[in-house]
N, C-alpha and C. Protein backbone atom coordinates (compact mmCIF):
# COMPACT_ATOMS: atom_id res chain seq x y z
N MET A 1 -26.11 -14.39 2.96
CA MET A 1 -26.71 -13.74 2.63
C MET A 1 -26.92 -13.43 1.35
N LYS A 2 -27.80 -13.20 0.64
CA LYS A 2 -28.09 -12.55 -0.56
C LYS A 2 -26.95 -10.68 -0.48
N PRO A 3 -26.05 -10.91 -1.58
CA PRO A 3 -26.11 -9.46 -1.65
C PRO A 3 -27.48 -8.33 -2.49
N GLY A 4 -26.72 -7.22 -1.22
CA GLY A 4 -27.65 -6.00 -1.29
C GLY A 4 -28.37 -6.31 -0.10
N THR A 5 -28.73 -7.39 0.35
CA THR A 5 -30.09 -7.64 1.71
C THR A 5 -28.71 -6.71 3.24
N ALA A 6 -30.15 -6.03 3.52
CA ALA A 6 -29.88 -4.95 4.90
C ALA A 6 -29.90 -6.12 6.10
N ILE A 7 -28.85 -5.39 6.62
CA ILE A 7 -28.43 -6.58 8.03
C ILE A 7 -29.74 -5.76 9.20
N LYS A 8 -30.31 -6.45 9.31
CA LYS A 8 -31.67 -5.05 10.75
C LYS A 8 -31.32 -5.74 11.70
N HIS A 9 -30.95 -5.26 13.22
CA HIS A 9 -30.11 -5.79 14.22
C HIS A 9 -31.49 -4.36 15.05
N SER A 10 -32.27 -4.88 15.99
CA SER A 10 -33.06 -4.22 16.23
C SER A 10 -34.57 -3.10 15.56
N THR A 11 -34.68 -2.45 15.90
CA THR A 11 -35.14 -1.33 14.50
C THR A 11 -34.47 -0.38 13.76
N HIS A 12 -33.43 -0.86 13.45
CA HIS A 12 -31.56 -0.50 12.42
C HIS A 12 -31.28 -1.63 10.97
N ALA A 13 -31.05 -0.35 10.44
CA ALA A 13 -30.47 -1.89 9.03
C ALA A 13 -29.17 -0.94 8.67
N TYR A 14 -28.31 -2.36 8.42
CA TYR A 14 -27.31 -2.34 8.57
C TYR A 14 -27.66 -2.52 7.01
N TRP A 15 -25.79 -1.96 6.33
CA TRP A 15 -25.72 -2.91 5.38
C TRP A 15 -23.86 -3.36 5.23
N MET A 16 -22.95 -4.12 4.45
CA MET A 16 -22.39 -4.98 4.49
C MET A 16 -21.67 -5.18 3.03
N TRP A 17 -20.85 -3.75 3.49
CA TRP A 17 -19.74 -4.01 2.47
C TRP A 17 -18.27 -4.72 2.38
N THR A 18 -17.90 -4.26 1.00
CA THR A 18 -16.44 -6.04 1.48
C THR A 18 -15.15 -5.11 0.07
N LEU A 19 -14.32 -5.58 0.38
CA LEU A 19 -12.71 -4.58 0.03
C LEU A 19 -11.72 -6.10 -0.19
N VAL A 20 -11.53 -5.87 -1.68
CA VAL A 20 -11.05 -8.08 -1.53
C VAL A 20 -9.86 -7.66 -2.63
N SER A 21 -9.02 -7.72 -2.00
CA SER A 21 -7.60 -7.28 -2.67
C SER A 21 -6.97 -9.62 -3.14
N GLY A 22 -5.50 -9.22 -2.42
CA GLY A 22 -4.67 -10.12 -2.75
C GLY A 22 -4.03 -10.99 -1.55
N LEU A 23 -4.41 -9.68 -1.51
CA LEU A 23 -3.29 -9.91 0.24
C LEU A 23 -4.81 -10.01 1.39
N PHE A 24 -5.93 -9.12 1.87
CA PHE A 24 -6.75 -8.87 2.93
C PHE A 24 -7.75 -9.16 2.45
N CYS A 25 -9.05 -9.15 3.13
CA CYS A 25 -10.00 -8.86 3.80
C CYS A 25 -10.40 -8.15 3.84
N LEU A 26 -11.52 -6.62 3.93
CA LEU A 26 -12.33 -5.67 5.37
C LEU A 26 -13.41 -5.77 4.96
N PHE A 27 -14.56 -5.80 5.71
CA PHE A 27 -15.62 -6.18 6.23
C PHE A 27 -15.75 -4.20 6.68
N LEU A 28 -16.92 -3.63 5.83
CA LEU A 28 -17.27 -2.69 6.96
C LEU A 28 -19.35 -2.66 7.08
N THR A 29 -19.25 -1.87 7.87
CA THR A 29 -20.86 -2.50 8.41
C THR A 29 -21.54 -1.14 8.02
N HIS A 30 -22.13 -0.65 7.86
CA HIS A 30 -22.26 0.78 8.51
C HIS A 30 -24.01 1.36 7.46
N PHE A 31 -24.60 2.44 7.79
CA PHE A 31 -26.08 1.68 7.83
C PHE A 31 -26.37 2.71 7.10
N SER A 32 -25.76 3.32 6.03
CA SER A 32 -25.94 3.71 4.73
C SER A 32 -25.33 1.88 3.50
N ARG A 33 -26.76 2.52 2.92
CA ARG A 33 -25.63 1.54 1.38
C ARG A 33 -24.87 3.41 -0.15
N GLY A 34 -25.28 4.30 0.09
CA GLY A 34 -24.82 5.37 -0.46
C GLY A 34 -22.87 5.52 -0.29
N LYS A 35 -22.57 6.63 -1.78
CA LYS A 35 -21.82 6.95 -1.09
C LYS A 35 -20.67 7.73 -0.06
N GLN A 36 -21.54 8.01 0.86
CA GLN A 36 -21.20 8.30 2.72
C GLN A 36 -19.77 7.02 2.09
N ALA A 37 -20.78 4.88 2.40
CA ALA A 37 -20.44 4.41 3.91
C ALA A 37 -18.90 4.64 1.83
N ALA A 38 -19.16 4.19 1.01
CA ALA A 38 -18.30 3.99 -0.02
C ALA A 38 -16.73 5.24 0.16
N LYS A 39 -16.80 5.80 0.52
CA LYS A 39 -15.03 6.74 0.70
C LYS A 39 -15.12 6.02 1.56
N ILE A 40 -15.88 5.58 2.97
CA ILE A 40 -14.69 4.83 4.02
C ILE A 40 -14.65 4.55 3.57
N LEU A 41 -14.83 2.97 2.21
CA LEU A 41 -14.54 1.41 2.31
C LEU A 41 -13.11 2.41 1.92
N LEU A 42 -13.03 3.14 0.92
CA LEU A 42 -12.27 2.96 -0.20
C LEU A 42 -11.74 4.50 -0.36
N GLY A 43 -11.55 5.64 0.94
CA GLY A 43 -10.58 6.23 0.79
C GLY A 43 -10.23 7.56 -0.31
N ALA A 44 -9.42 6.93 -0.31
CA ALA A 44 -9.25 7.82 -2.36
C ALA A 44 -7.90 7.17 -3.21
N PHE A 45 -8.10 5.39 -2.74
CA PHE A 45 -7.72 4.58 -3.70
C PHE A 45 -8.07 4.98 -5.34
N SER A 46 -7.04 3.96 -5.64
CA SER A 46 -7.18 4.18 -8.25
C SER A 46 -6.76 3.63 -7.27
N GLY A 47 -7.05 3.23 -8.81
CA GLY A 47 -6.45 1.60 -9.67
C GLY A 47 -8.08 1.47 -9.96
N TYR A 48 -7.36 -0.16 -10.77
CA TYR A 48 -8.73 -0.62 -10.37
C TYR A 48 -9.82 -1.07 -9.89
N LEU A 49 -11.12 -0.72 -9.96
CA LEU A 49 -12.28 -1.27 -8.75
C LEU A 49 -13.34 -1.93 -9.79
N VAL A 50 -13.31 -3.02 -9.30
CA VAL A 50 -14.40 -4.52 -9.65
C VAL A 50 -15.61 -3.88 -9.27
N THR A 51 -16.87 -3.49 -9.55
CA THR A 51 -18.01 -2.93 -8.70
C THR A 51 -19.75 -4.15 -9.55
N ASP A 52 -20.59 -3.99 -8.89
CA ASP A 52 -22.56 -4.22 -9.70
C ASP A 52 -22.77 -2.79 -10.23
N HIS A 53 -21.72 -2.25 -10.97
CA HIS A 53 -22.64 -0.76 -11.20
C HIS A 53 -23.69 -0.41 -10.65
N TYR A 54 -23.48 0.02 -9.35
CA TYR A 54 -24.20 0.83 -8.64
C TYR A 54 -23.67 2.66 -8.57
N ALA A 55 -24.55 3.59 -8.13
CA ALA A 55 -23.68 4.66 -8.20
C ALA A 55 -23.56 4.92 -7.59
N ALA A 56 -22.78 4.39 -6.57
CA ALA A 56 -22.04 5.22 -4.94
C ALA A 56 -20.18 4.72 -5.45
N TYR A 57 -20.57 4.76 -6.33
CA TYR A 57 -18.83 4.24 -6.60
C TYR A 57 -18.37 5.74 -8.08
N ASN A 58 -19.46 6.17 -8.16
CA ASN A 58 -19.58 7.04 -9.71
C ASN A 58 -18.01 7.67 -9.46
N ASP A 59 -18.49 7.87 -8.28
CA ASP A 59 -16.24 8.99 -7.45
C ASP A 59 -15.88 8.78 -7.91
N TYR A 60 -15.15 7.53 -8.28
CA TYR A 60 -14.08 7.28 -7.88
C TYR A 60 -13.12 7.18 -10.01
N PRO A 61 -11.97 8.01 -9.10
CA PRO A 61 -10.80 7.94 -10.87
C PRO A 61 -10.73 6.97 -11.23
N ALA A 62 -11.06 5.49 -9.65
CA ALA A 62 -10.18 4.19 -10.49
C ALA A 62 -11.01 4.02 -11.29
N THR A 63 -10.95 2.88 -12.45
CA THR A 63 -11.15 1.94 -13.34
C THR A 63 -12.10 1.87 -13.54
N ASN A 64 -13.21 1.79 -13.48
CA ASN A 64 -13.98 1.18 -12.48
C ASN A 64 -14.58 -0.42 -13.94
N ILE A 65 -14.69 -1.59 -13.12
CA ILE A 65 -15.28 -2.41 -14.25
C ILE A 65 -16.57 -3.30 -13.48
N SER A 66 -16.97 -2.86 -14.36
CA SER A 66 -18.22 -3.44 -14.19
C SER A 66 -17.62 -4.91 -14.09
N GLN A 67 -19.05 -5.96 -13.16
CA GLN A 67 -18.45 -7.14 -13.30
C GLN A 67 -19.75 -7.48 -15.07
N LEU A 68 -19.18 -8.62 -14.87
CA LEU A 68 -20.08 -9.90 -16.43
C LEU A 68 -21.07 -9.62 -16.43
N ARG A 69 -22.16 -10.25 -15.15
CA ARG A 69 -23.39 -10.76 -15.30
C ARG A 69 -24.36 -9.43 -15.22
N HIS A 70 -23.80 -8.18 -14.79
CA HIS A 70 -24.18 -6.53 -15.28
C HIS A 70 -23.81 -6.18 -16.01
N LEU A 71 -23.01 -5.95 -16.51
CA LEU A 71 -23.62 -6.06 -18.15
C LEU A 71 -24.35 -6.97 -18.62
N LEU A 72 -24.19 -8.18 -19.14
CA LEU A 72 -25.12 -8.42 -18.96
C LEU A 72 -26.91 -8.15 -19.37
N ARG A 73 -27.17 -8.22 -18.20
CA ARG A 73 -28.28 -7.58 -17.68
C ARG A 73 -28.43 -5.98 -17.78
N HIS A 74 -27.44 -4.97 -19.40
CA HIS A 74 -27.69 -4.31 -19.15
C HIS A 74 -28.01 -4.43 -20.98
N PHE A 75 -26.99 -5.36 -21.62
CA PHE A 75 -26.55 -5.56 -23.09
C PHE A 75 -28.35 -6.03 -23.49
N LEU A 76 -28.82 -7.28 -22.26
CA LEU A 76 -29.90 -7.71 -22.49
C LEU A 76 -31.72 -6.53 -22.30
N LYS A 77 -32.02 -5.63 -21.92
CA LYS A 77 -31.83 -5.08 -21.41
C LYS A 77 -32.58 -4.19 -22.33
N ILE A 78 -31.20 -3.45 -23.52
CA ILE A 78 -30.95 -2.51 -24.55
C ILE A 78 -31.75 -3.34 -25.60
N MET A 79 -31.05 -5.22 -25.62
CA MET A 79 -31.60 -5.76 -26.79
C MET A 79 -33.10 -5.96 -26.87
N SER A 80 -33.84 -5.80 -26.20
CA SER A 80 -35.03 -5.85 -25.73
C SER A 80 -35.81 -4.57 -25.96
N ALA A 81 -34.81 -3.40 -25.86
CA ALA A 81 -36.20 -2.33 -26.36
C ALA A 81 -35.37 -1.48 -27.83
N ALA A 82 -34.90 -2.33 -27.61
CA ALA A 82 -34.00 -2.01 -29.63
C ALA A 82 -35.02 -1.41 -30.63
N ASP A 83 -36.26 -2.76 -30.36
CA ASP A 83 -37.24 -2.61 -31.73
C ASP A 83 -38.22 -0.76 -30.90
N LYS A 84 -37.87 -0.55 -30.17
CA LYS A 84 -38.96 0.47 -29.15
C LYS A 84 -38.65 2.05 -29.22
N PRO A 85 -38.07 2.64 -30.37
CA PRO A 85 -36.93 3.71 -30.10
C PRO A 85 -37.49 4.59 -29.15
N ALA A 86 -38.42 4.35 -28.43
CA ALA A 86 -38.81 5.71 -27.86
C ALA A 86 -37.84 5.61 -26.63
N SER A 87 -38.29 3.71 -26.22
CA SER A 87 -37.71 2.92 -24.53
C SER A 87 -36.00 2.93 -24.25
N LEU A 88 -35.10 2.70 -25.83
CA LEU A 88 -33.77 2.18 -26.67
C LEU A 88 -33.12 3.49 -25.31
N ALA A 89 -33.86 4.77 -25.28
CA ALA A 89 -32.96 5.98 -24.26
C ALA A 89 -32.27 5.47 -23.46
N ASN A 90 -33.77 5.33 -23.00
CA ASN A 90 -33.21 4.74 -21.35
C ASN A 90 -33.09 3.33 -20.80
N ALA A 91 -33.35 2.77 -22.02
CA ALA A 91 -32.07 0.92 -21.90
C ALA A 91 -31.53 1.21 -20.43
N TYR A 92 -30.30 1.75 -20.80
CA TYR A 92 -29.32 1.55 -20.20
C TYR A 92 -29.73 1.75 -18.50
N TYR A 93 -30.66 2.81 -18.12
CA TYR A 93 -30.69 3.13 -16.97
C TYR A 93 -31.92 2.72 -16.12
């Protein structure tokens, strides 16, 4: 299954959330891909959180570390907009 793909059951779509540590792996199937599901999965977590830079994690006080491939994607987008000042301001988002 490709990351970010919904699991479809009948007429409903669900998202698979995964939490992995050195000791365990936890899966959560939820109807939402938003902050609501992140709060259920992470609770009062604090520490290092490696994410795909998805906005659902923005409310966490944890040190949010983006995956390298997502940082590279943002960097390439900024570099391609560098010669166009108007688009450079919006390149990151």
